[in-house]
Amino acid sequence: MPGFALDPQQTAWCAHLRALAAQRLRPVAERGEPGRVNRPLLALLGELGLLDKLFTSGALELCLLRESLAHGCTEAETALALQGLGAHPVLRAGTDAQRARWLPQVRAGRAVAAFALSEPDAGSDAGALALRAEPDGAGWRLTGEKCWISNAPEADFYSVFARTGEAPGSRGITAFLVPADRAGLTGRPLRMLSPHAIGALTFDGVRVGPADVLGAPGRGFAVAMDTLNLFRPSVGAFAVGMAQAALEATVRHTAGRGAFGGVLADLQSVAHRVAEMATRVEAARLLVYAAAGAYDEGAPDVPRRAAMAKLLATETAQYVVDHAVQLHGARALERGHLLEHLYREVRAPRIYEGASEVQRAVIAKDLYRTLDRTDADPHGTDADPHGKDGHRDGKDRHVDRKDGQGDRKDGRLDLADARLDKEPVR
């Protein structure tokens, strides 16, 4: 992949978005009720044409959009991203009738979308979904629960993933578009660390028919992964935007805060920590851009690149915000302080749309899958390919590995049944 440097037009657009977030969007966001969908904010995002970008942008442009909004107004960024997450299955897998019914409303900010995959007992292993789609005439009835669904229970429609049973595991899942007013569908809000609209849904024999299917029966997991592969790098962009805001606040604070006869920035330990924060933010940003560029180019390794981008960016944001709080001291923990807000916001992205542990598993699985078995070194002789002792030691290690761990074959982890590509979502 080539190196990334934004052109002047992209740089100007990002600056415009940051100003828009701070001057136009943040005041509306602050008037919203915590834990509820902010419909005036969605309407403003629609009026400004930003929701339309969800359906017309490539992955890199989406990342720039999310990073810039997150820098100035995390609530606006989240509201926008959740519209995209919930509506993308309709855009990519919906029928003409489904698109015509819902997408114009989503673009305008008049309809609220939600992506309903996670369940009480199916997060990281999304292939273990228990929501049942039981045959009923020409259609199905949905029975079960969904949990930690963003925009629930206030969304106007849900992209729902249920088990229709065509095959075991992820191959027996179907995606459905379920309007919120469908009989038998109820929900309740959940109170979370960061007060966004998140809830649980109960499906009590909810009727769905062929016209409600997104894509094809039994292919719902592919619909979910198609959505996540696009949005996962931009979760990293969201994290980078928050990290950048925390970094800038820290530079300003340490440059002006008096301490020990000078300012905090005069202390080498402080200056070096800020330098480390800045370096990690830039590294995360470049990895996010590279993953987005790979998606736009149709590269074959998009899932691995997307996982790397989300992993590094969200972990980096947690590091940067935490150290920013430490360097600000107690003032950063006061309600209403930027860093108090970011400290609550930054934790969830390490979990939703694929927890950090799952991202590592996805990366590892892809690395081992791309290794030709004939290239594997079962005896561990790479360090001394010609030495007799090295070969003997490698052979001994191979025997120990075989005896001690039955899940290894020819010196490689057997990941075939690990279900590591089943990622949790919001």
Protein backbone atom coordinates (compact mmCIF):
# COMPACT_ATOMS: atom_id res chain seq x y z
CA MET A 1 0.00 0.00 0.00
CA PRO A 2 1.25 3.53 -0.71
CA GLY A 3 1.95 6.06 1.99
CA PHE A 4 -0.89 8.37 2.93
CA ALA A 5 -0.90 12.14 2.83
CA LEU A 6 -4.13 14.06 2.47
CA ASP A 7 -4.39 16.39 -0.49
CA PRO A 8 -5.28 20.08 0.09
CA GLN A 9 -8.95 19.48 -0.71
CA GLN A 10 -9.23 16.68 1.83
CA THR A 11 -7.40 18.73 4.45
CA ALA A 12 -9.73 21.67 3.91
CA TRP A 13 -12.79 19.41 4.10
CA CYS A 14 -11.61 17.96 7.42
CA ALA A 15 -11.07 21.45 8.81
CA HIS A 16 -14.55 22.42 7.68
CA LEU A 17 -16.04 19.37 9.37
CA ARG A 18 -14.24 20.09 12.63
CA ALA A 19 -15.60 23.62 12.66
CA LEU A 20 -19.06 22.37 11.77
CA ALA A 21 -18.95 19.85 14.61
CA ALA A 22 -17.89 22.43 17.18
CA GLN A 23 -20.08 25.33 16.05
CA ARG A 24 -23.25 23.77 14.65
CA LEU A 25 -23.55 20.21 15.90
CA ARG A 26 -22.26 20.36 19.46
CA PRO A 27 -24.89 22.88 20.67
CA VAL A 28 -27.68 20.63 19.38
CA ALA A 29 -26.01 17.57 20.88
CA GLU A 30 -25.76 19.24 24.28
CA ARG A 31 -29.49 19.91 24.29
CA GLY A 32 -30.24 16.21 23.84
CA GLU A 33 -31.42 13.94 26.63
CA PRO A 34 -28.72 11.47 27.74
CA GLY A 35 -29.58 7.89 26.81
CA ARG A 36 -32.10 8.90 24.15
CA VAL A 37 -31.94 9.21 20.36
CA ASN A 38 -31.36 12.89 19.54
CA ARG A 39 -33.68 13.34 16.57
CA PRO A 40 -32.98 17.08 16.14
CA LEU A 41 -29.29 16.22 15.84
CA LEU A 42 -30.06 13.58 13.21
CA ALA A 43 -32.22 16.05 11.32
CA LEU A 44 -29.36 18.58 11.31
CA LEU A 45 -26.92 15.93 10.08
CA GLY A 46 -29.37 15.26 7.26
CA GLU A 47 -29.85 18.94 6.50
CA LEU A 48 -26.08 19.44 6.25
CA GLY A 49 -25.81 16.52 3.82
CA LEU A 50 -23.58 14.48 6.12
CA LEU A 51 -25.88 11.47 6.38
CA ASP A 52 -25.92 11.24 2.60
CA LYS A 53 -22.14 10.79 2.74
CA LEU A 54 -22.73 7.43 4.42
CA PHE A 55 -24.12 6.09 1.15
CA THR A 56 -21.92 7.90 -1.37
CA SER A 57 -18.47 7.83 0.23
CA GLY A 58 -15.66 5.36 -0.03
CA ALA A 59 -14.07 3.96 3.11
CA LEU A 60 -11.34 6.62 3.28
CA GLU A 61 -13.81 9.48 2.97
CA LEU A 62 -15.95 7.84 5.65
CA CYS A 63 -12.92 7.67 7.94
CA LEU A 64 -12.12 11.34 7.39
CA LEU A 65 -15.74 12.22 8.13
CA ARG A 66 -15.88 10.21 11.35
CA GLU A 67 -12.47 11.35 12.60
CA SER A 68 -13.28 15.02 12.01
CA LEU A 69 -16.69 14.87 13.66
CA ALA A 70 -15.32 12.93 16.64
CA HIS A 71 -12.74 15.64 17.22
CA GLY A 72 -15.42 18.26 17.77
CA CYS A 73 -18.60 16.38 18.77
CA THR A 74 -18.59 12.70 19.63
CA GLU A 75 -22.37 12.62 19.88
CA ALA A 76 -22.75 13.77 16.28
CA GLU A 77 -20.18 11.25 15.11
CA THR A 78 -21.94 8.41 16.91
CA ALA A 79 -25.38 9.41 15.64
CA LEU A 80 -24.07 9.49 12.08
CA ALA A 81 -22.18 6.19 12.36
CA LEU A 82 -25.16 4.32 13.79
CA GLN A 83 -27.34 5.44 10.90
CA GLY A 84 -24.78 3.97 8.55
CA LEU A 85 -24.36 0.76 10.49
CA GLY A 86 -28.09 0.10 10.64
CA ALA A 87 -28.85 1.10 7.05
CA HIS A 88 -25.82 -0.33 5.23
CA PRO A 89 -27.34 -3.85 5.06
CA VAL A 90 -30.35 -2.31 3.32
CA LEU A 91 -28.15 -0.41 0.88
CA ARG A 92 -26.04 -3.44 0.01
CA ALA A 93 -28.48 -6.34 0.29
CA GLY A 94 -31.95 -4.82 0.28
CA THR A 95 -34.51 -4.99 -2.49
CA ASP A 96 -35.48 -1.95 -4.54
CA ALA A 97 -38.66 -1.66 -2.47
CA GLN A 98 -36.76 -1.80 0.83
CA ARG A 99 -34.28 0.84 -0.32
CA ALA A 100 -37.00 3.13 -1.62
CA ARG A 101 -38.98 2.83 1.63
CA TRP A 102 -36.17 3.51 4.09
CA LEU A 103 -33.00 5.01 2.67
CA PRO A 104 -34.37 8.46 1.73
CA GLN A 105 -35.71 8.77 5.28
CA VAL A 106 -32.36 7.74 6.76
CA ARG A 107 -30.49 10.21 4.55
CA ALA A 108 -32.78 13.01 5.69
CA GLY A 109 -32.45 12.10 9.37
CA ARG A 110 -36.17 11.37 9.65
CA ALA A 111 -35.85 7.59 10.20
CA VAL A 112 -33.57 5.98 12.79
CA ALA A 113 -31.78 2.77 11.81
CA ALA A 114 -30.28 0.06 14.03
CA PHE A 115 -28.02 -2.96 13.54
CA ALA A 116 -29.28 -5.87 15.66
CA LEU A 117 -26.77 -8.71 15.87
CA SER A 118 -25.54 -9.10 19.47
CA GLU A 119 -27.45 -11.21 21.98
CA PRO A 120 -27.12 -11.89 25.72
CA ASP A 121 -25.10 -15.06 25.01
CA ALA A 122 -23.71 -14.28 21.55
CA GLY A 123 -21.23 -11.43 21.38
CA SER A 124 -17.76 -12.36 20.19
CA ASP A 125 -19.13 -15.63 18.80
CA ALA A 126 -21.79 -14.07 16.63
CA GLY A 127 -22.17 -17.37 14.79
CA ALA A 128 -23.80 -18.73 17.95
CA LEU A 129 -26.90 -16.56 17.57
CA ALA A 130 -29.94 -17.97 19.32
CA LEU A 131 -32.69 -15.71 17.94
CA ARG A 132 -34.84 -18.23 16.09
CA ALA A 133 -36.61 -17.68 12.79
CA GLU A 134 -39.15 -20.50 12.84
CA PRO A 135 -40.94 -21.34 9.56
CA ASP A 136 -44.50 -20.07 9.39
CA GLY A 137 -46.19 -20.56 6.05
CA ALA A 138 -44.27 -18.63 3.42
CA GLY A 139 -42.34 -16.71 6.09
CA TRP A 140 -40.95 -17.00 9.61
CA ARG A 141 -41.65 -15.95 13.19
CA LEU A 142 -38.77 -14.44 15.17
CA THR A 143 -38.47 -15.54 18.78
CA GLY A 144 -35.69 -14.54 21.17
CA GLU A 145 -33.69 -11.54 22.32
CA LYS A 146 -31.14 -9.01 21.14
CA CYS A 147 -29.03 -6.99 23.55
CA TRP A 148 -26.74 -3.92 23.55
CA ILE A 149 -28.31 -2.66 20.35
CA SER A 150 -27.51 0.99 19.63
CA ASN A 151 -30.57 3.18 18.95
CA ALA A 152 -32.84 0.54 20.51
CA PRO A 153 -35.60 0.66 21.49
CA GLU A 154 -36.23 3.97 19.68
CA ALA A 155 -35.16 3.03 16.15
CA ASP A 156 -37.70 3.02 13.33
CA PHE A 157 -36.34 -0.18 11.79
CA TYR A 158 -33.77 -2.86 12.58
CA SER A 159 -31.41 -4.94 10.48
CA VAL A 160 -31.91 -8.18 12.39
CA PHE A 161 -29.88 -11.39 12.15
CA ALA A 162 -31.64 -14.64 13.09
CA ARG A 163 -31.04 -18.36 12.84
CA THR A 164 -33.03 -19.96 10.01
CA GLY A 165 -31.00 -23.18 10.19
CA GLU A 166 -30.02 -23.87 6.58
CA ALA A 167 -26.65 -25.07 7.92
CA PRO A 168 -24.77 -25.12 11.23
CA GLY A 169 -23.06 -22.06 12.65
CA SER A 170 -22.78 -18.86 10.68
CA ARG A 171 -24.09 -20.46 7.47
CA GLY A 172 -27.57 -20.83 8.95
CA ILE A 173 -28.26 -17.14 9.61
CA THR A 174 -30.58 -14.84 7.65
CA ALA A 175 -30.79 -11.04 7.75
CA PHE A 176 -34.20 -9.37 7.98
CA LEU A 177 -35.41 -5.78 7.81
CA VAL A 178 -37.85 -5.47 10.71
CA PRO A 179 -39.88 -2.25 11.16
CA ALA A 180 -40.14 -1.20 14.80
CA ASP A 181 -43.94 -1.28 14.76
CA ARG A 182 -44.09 -4.98 13.88
CA ALA A 183 -46.40 -6.86 16.30
CA GLY A 184 -44.52 -8.79 18.99
CA LEU A 185 -41.42 -6.57 18.98
CA THR A 186 -40.73 -4.76 22.25
CA GLY A 187 -37.66 -3.22 23.84
CA ARG A 188 -36.21 -1.51 26.86
CA PRO A 189 -33.34 0.99 27.30
CA LEU A 190 -30.09 0.05 29.00
CA ARG A 191 -28.13 2.47 31.18
CA MET A 192 -24.49 2.39 30.07
CA LEU A 193 -21.23 4.05 31.13
CA SER A 194 -21.51 6.49 28.25
CA PRO A 195 -25.14 7.62 28.04
CA HIS A 196 -26.04 6.74 24.47
CA ALA A 197 -29.31 5.23 23.24
CA ILE A 198 -28.66 1.51 23.71
CA GLY A 199 -31.24 -1.12 24.51
CA ALA A 200 -32.44 -4.70 24.50
CA LEU A 201 -35.10 -6.12 22.16
CA THR A 202 -37.54 -8.98 22.67
CA PHE A 203 -39.05 -10.82 19.71
CA ASP A 204 -42.22 -12.68 20.64
CA GLY A 205 -43.27 -14.45 17.47
CA VAL A 206 -42.57 -11.42 15.25
CA ARG A 207 -43.82 -12.20 11.75
CA VAL A 208 -41.43 -11.66 8.83
CA GLY A 209 -41.86 -12.71 5.23
CA PRO A 210 -39.79 -13.05 2.05
CA ALA A 211 -40.20 -9.32 1.42
CA ASP A 212 -38.35 -8.63 4.70
CA VAL A 213 -35.25 -10.69 3.86
CA LEU A 214 -32.01 -8.79 3.27
CA GLY A 215 -30.02 -10.73 0.71
CA ALA A 216 -30.75 -14.45 0.59
CA PRO A 217 -31.87 -16.91 3.28
CA GLY A 218 -28.86 -18.44 5.01
CA ARG A 219 -26.56 -15.64 3.84
CA GLY A 220 -27.15 -13.20 6.66
CA PHE A 221 -23.73 -13.57 8.20
CA ALA A 222 -22.15 -12.40 4.93
CA VAL A 223 -24.40 -9.33 5.07
CA ALA A 224 -23.20 -8.60 8.60
CA MET A 225 -19.53 -9.04 7.70
CA ASP A 226 -19.86 -6.86 4.61
CA THR A 227 -21.13 -4.08 6.86
CA LEU A 228 -18.47 -4.57 9.52
CA ASN A 229 -15.59 -4.68 7.04
CA LEU A 230 -16.58 -1.20 5.86
CA PHE A 231 -17.28 0.30 9.26
CA ARG A 232 -14.50 -1.33 11.28
CA PRO A 233 -11.70 0.95 9.97
CA SER A 234 -13.92 3.96 10.57
CA VAL A 235 -14.41 2.90 14.21
CA GLY A 236 -10.65 3.34 14.30
CA ALA A 237 -11.12 6.79 12.76
CA PHE A 238 -13.61 7.67 15.49
CA ALA A 239 -11.00 6.62 18.06
CA VAL A 240 -8.29 8.65 16.34
CA GLY A 241 -10.52 11.73 16.40
CA MET A 242 -11.02 11.39 20.15
CA ALA A 243 -7.31 10.73 20.71
CA GLN A 244 -6.36 13.81 18.68
CA ALA A 245 -8.71 15.99 20.72
CA ALA A 246 -7.21 14.64 23.96
CA LEU A 247 -3.67 15.14 22.65
CA GLU A 248 -4.30 18.76 21.64
CA ALA A 249 -5.86 19.51 25.03
CA THR A 250 -2.82 17.98 26.72
CA VAL A 251 -0.31 20.00 24.68
CA ARG A 252 -2.15 23.22 25.56
CA HIS A 253 -2.41 22.29 29.23
CA THR A 254 1.18 21.17 29.74
CA ALA A 255 2.53 24.18 27.86
CA GLY A 256 0.75 26.60 30.21
CA ARG A 257 0.37 24.85 33.57
CA GLY A 258 2.92 26.16 36.03
CA ALA A 259 4.86 23.61 38.07
CA PHE A 260 8.20 23.51 39.91
CA GLY A 261 9.28 26.94 38.75
CA GLY A 262 8.39 26.38 35.10
CA VAL A 263 5.62 24.66 33.19
CA LEU A 264 4.79 20.97 32.99
CA ALA A 265 6.22 20.72 29.48
CA ASP A 266 9.66 21.61 30.88
CA LEU A 267 9.70 18.28 32.71
CA GLN A 268 11.31 15.66 30.53
CA SER A 269 8.99 12.92 31.80
CA VAL A 270 5.97 14.97 30.76
CA ALA A 271 7.37 16.04 27.39
CA HIS A 272 8.38 12.50 26.53
CA ARG A 273 4.97 11.17 27.46
CA VAL A 274 3.28 13.74 25.22
CA ALA A 275 5.67 12.79 22.41
CA GLU A 276 4.72 9.14 22.84
CA MET A 277 1.03 10.04 22.73
CA ALA A 278 1.51 12.02 19.51
CA THR A 279 3.50 9.24 17.87
CA ARG A 280 0.91 6.61 18.67
CA VAL A 281 -1.93 8.79 17.38
CA GLU A 282 -0.15 9.35 14.08
CA ALA A 283 0.67 5.65 13.69
CA ALA A 284 -2.95 4.71 14.36
CA ARG A 285 -4.20 7.32 11.89
CA LEU A 286 -1.96 6.00 9.12
CA LEU A 287 -3.03 2.40 9.72
CA VAL A 288 -6.69 3.44 9.59
CA TYR A 289 -6.15 5.30 6.32
CA ALA A 290 -4.26 2.32 4.88
CA ALA A 291 -7.09 -0.08 5.79
CA ALA A 292 -9.66 2.27 4.27
CA GLY A 293 -7.58 2.61 1.13
CA ALA A 294 -7.34 -1.17 0.86
CA TYR A 295 -11.13 -1.41 1.10
CA ASP A 296 -11.58 1.21 -1.62
CA GLU A 297 -9.14 -0.62 -3.88
CA GLY A 298 -10.83 -3.98 -3.35
CA ALA A 299 -7.74 -5.56 -1.80
CA PRO A 300 -8.11 -9.23 -0.77
CA ASP A 301 -6.80 -8.69 2.77
CA VAL A 302 -9.38 -6.12 3.87
CA PRO A 303 -10.64 -8.11 6.92
CA ARG A 304 -7.11 -8.35 8.35
CA ARG A 305 -6.28 -4.72 7.60
CA ALA A 306 -9.60 -3.57 9.06
CA ALA A 307 -8.98 -5.62 12.21
CA MET A 308 -5.49 -4.17 12.59
CA ALA A 309 -6.78 -0.63 12.16
CA LYS A 310 -9.56 -0.98 14.70
CA LEU A 311 -7.31 -2.78 17.17
CA LEU A 312 -4.46 -0.28 17.11
CA ALA A 313 -6.62 2.84 16.94
CA THR A 314 -9.00 1.96 19.76
CA GLU A 315 -6.20 0.74 22.04
CA THR A 316 -4.22 3.89 21.21
CA ALA A 317 -7.17 6.14 22.00
CA GLN A 318 -7.58 4.47 25.39
CA TYR A 319 -3.87 5.01 26.09
CA VAL A 320 -3.88 8.63 24.98
CA VAL A 321 -7.03 9.65 26.82
CA ASP A 322 -5.90 7.92 30.00
CA HIS A 323 -2.52 9.68 29.93
CA ALA A 324 -4.20 12.97 29.08
CA VAL A 325 -6.31 12.63 32.21
CA GLN A 326 -3.21 11.83 34.25
CA LEU A 327 -1.35 14.91 33.01
CA HIS A 328 -4.35 17.17 33.62
CA GLY A 329 -4.90 15.89 37.14
CA ALA A 330 -8.14 16.12 39.09
CA ARG A 331 -9.65 18.83 36.90
CA ALA A 332 -10.01 16.25 34.10
CA LEU A 333 -12.36 14.19 36.27
CA GLU A 334 -14.84 17.00 36.84
CA ARG A 335 -18.20 16.53 35.12
CA GLY A 336 -18.32 18.58 31.97
CA HIS A 337 -14.58 18.56 31.30
CA LEU A 338 -13.62 17.43 27.80
CA LEU A 339 -11.44 14.62 29.12
CA GLU A 340 -14.08 13.39 31.55
CA HIS A 341 -16.37 13.08 28.54
CA LEU A 342 -13.74 11.37 26.40
CA TYR A 343 -12.77 9.02 29.23
CA ARG A 344 -16.30 7.60 29.20
CA GLU A 345 -16.60 7.62 25.43
CA VAL A 346 -13.30 5.93 24.63
CA ARG A 347 -13.90 2.66 26.46
CA ALA A 348 -16.71 1.14 24.40
CA PRO A 349 -14.98 1.10 20.95
CA ARG A 350 -12.55 -1.53 22.26
CA ILE A 351 -15.57 -3.83 22.64
CA TYR A 352 -18.20 -3.11 20.00
CA GLU A 353 -17.94 -4.16 16.35
CA GLY A 354 -15.31 -6.67 17.40
CA ALA A 355 -13.52 -6.64 20.75
CA SER A 356 -9.74 -6.17 20.73
CA GLU A 357 -9.25 -9.85 21.53
CA VAL A 358 -11.35 -10.84 18.53
CA GLN A 359 -9.40 -8.48 16.27
CA ARG A 360 -6.17 -10.19 17.31
CA ALA A 361 -7.74 -13.57 16.59
CA VAL A 362 -8.93 -12.43 13.15
CA ILE A 363 -5.45 -11.13 12.33
CA ALA A 364 -3.77 -14.34 13.48
CA LYS A 365 -6.24 -16.56 11.66
CA ASP A 366 -5.66 -14.69 8.41
CA LEU A 367 -1.89 -14.90 8.78
CA TYR A 368 -1.99 -18.66 9.28
CA ARG A 369 -4.55 -19.17 6.54
CA THR A 370 -2.32 -17.43 4.00
CA LEU A 371 0.67 -19.56 4.95
CA ASP A 372 1.03 -22.39 2.46
CA ARG A 373 1.30 -25.60 4.44
CA THR A 374 4.34 -26.59 2.40
CA ASP A 375 6.06 -23.43 3.68
CA ALA A 376 5.41 -24.28 7.33
CA ASP A 377 8.36 -25.47 9.40
CA PRO A 378 7.06 -28.29 11.60
CA HIS A 379 10.44 -28.94 13.23
CA GLY A 380 11.36 -25.38 14.16
CA THR A 381 14.62 -25.51 12.20
CA ASP A 382 14.52 -22.00 10.73
CA ALA A 383 17.14 -20.72 13.14
CA ASP A 384 19.72 -23.40 12.11
CA PRO A 385 18.49 -25.06 8.89
CA HIS A 386 21.74 -26.99 8.34
CA GLY A 387 22.80 -27.81 11.88
CA LYS A 388 22.28 -31.29 13.21
CA ASP A 389 21.73 -30.08 16.73
CA GLY A 390 19.25 -27.50 15.59
CA HIS A 391 17.27 -30.15 13.74
CA ARG A 392 17.28 -32.45 16.73
CA ASP A 393 16.14 -29.66 19.07
CA GLY A 394 13.41 -28.70 16.63
CA LYS A 395 12.28 -32.32 16.44
CA ASP A 396 12.15 -32.56 20.20
CA ARG A 397 10.11 -29.38 20.41
CA HIS A 398 7.76 -30.77 17.80
CA VAL A 399 7.23 -33.94 19.86
CA ASP A 400 6.60 -31.94 23.02
CA ARG A 401 4.12 -29.74 21.19
CA LYS A 402 2.29 -32.70 19.76
CA ASP A 403 2.10 -34.49 23.10
CA GLY A 404 1.18 -31.43 25.10
CA GLN A 405 -1.31 -29.76 22.79
CA GLY A 406 -3.65 -31.84 20.71
CA ASP A 407 -4.97 -28.73 18.96
CA ARG A 408 -1.75 -28.26 16.97
CA LYS A 409 -1.07 -29.92 13.65
CA ASP A 410 2.34 -29.81 11.97
CA GLY A 411 3.43 -27.06 14.32
CA ARG A 412 0.51 -24.78 13.43
CA LEU A 413 -2.48 -23.73 15.41
CA ASP A 414 -5.58 -25.54 14.19
CA LEU A 415 -7.98 -22.61 13.87
CA ALA A 416 -10.54 -24.31 11.68
CA ASP A 417 -13.14 -24.66 14.40
CA ALA A 418 -12.27 -21.64 16.52
CA ARG A 419 -14.97 -19.39 15.01
CA LEU A 420 -12.59 -16.46 15.17
CA ASP A 421 -14.37 -14.61 12.41
CA LYS A 422 -17.50 -14.19 14.50
CA GLU A 423 -17.21 -10.63 15.76
CA PRO A 424 -19.43 -8.80 18.26
CA VAL A 425 -21.18 -5.63 17.24
CA ARG A 426 -23.05 -2.78 18.79
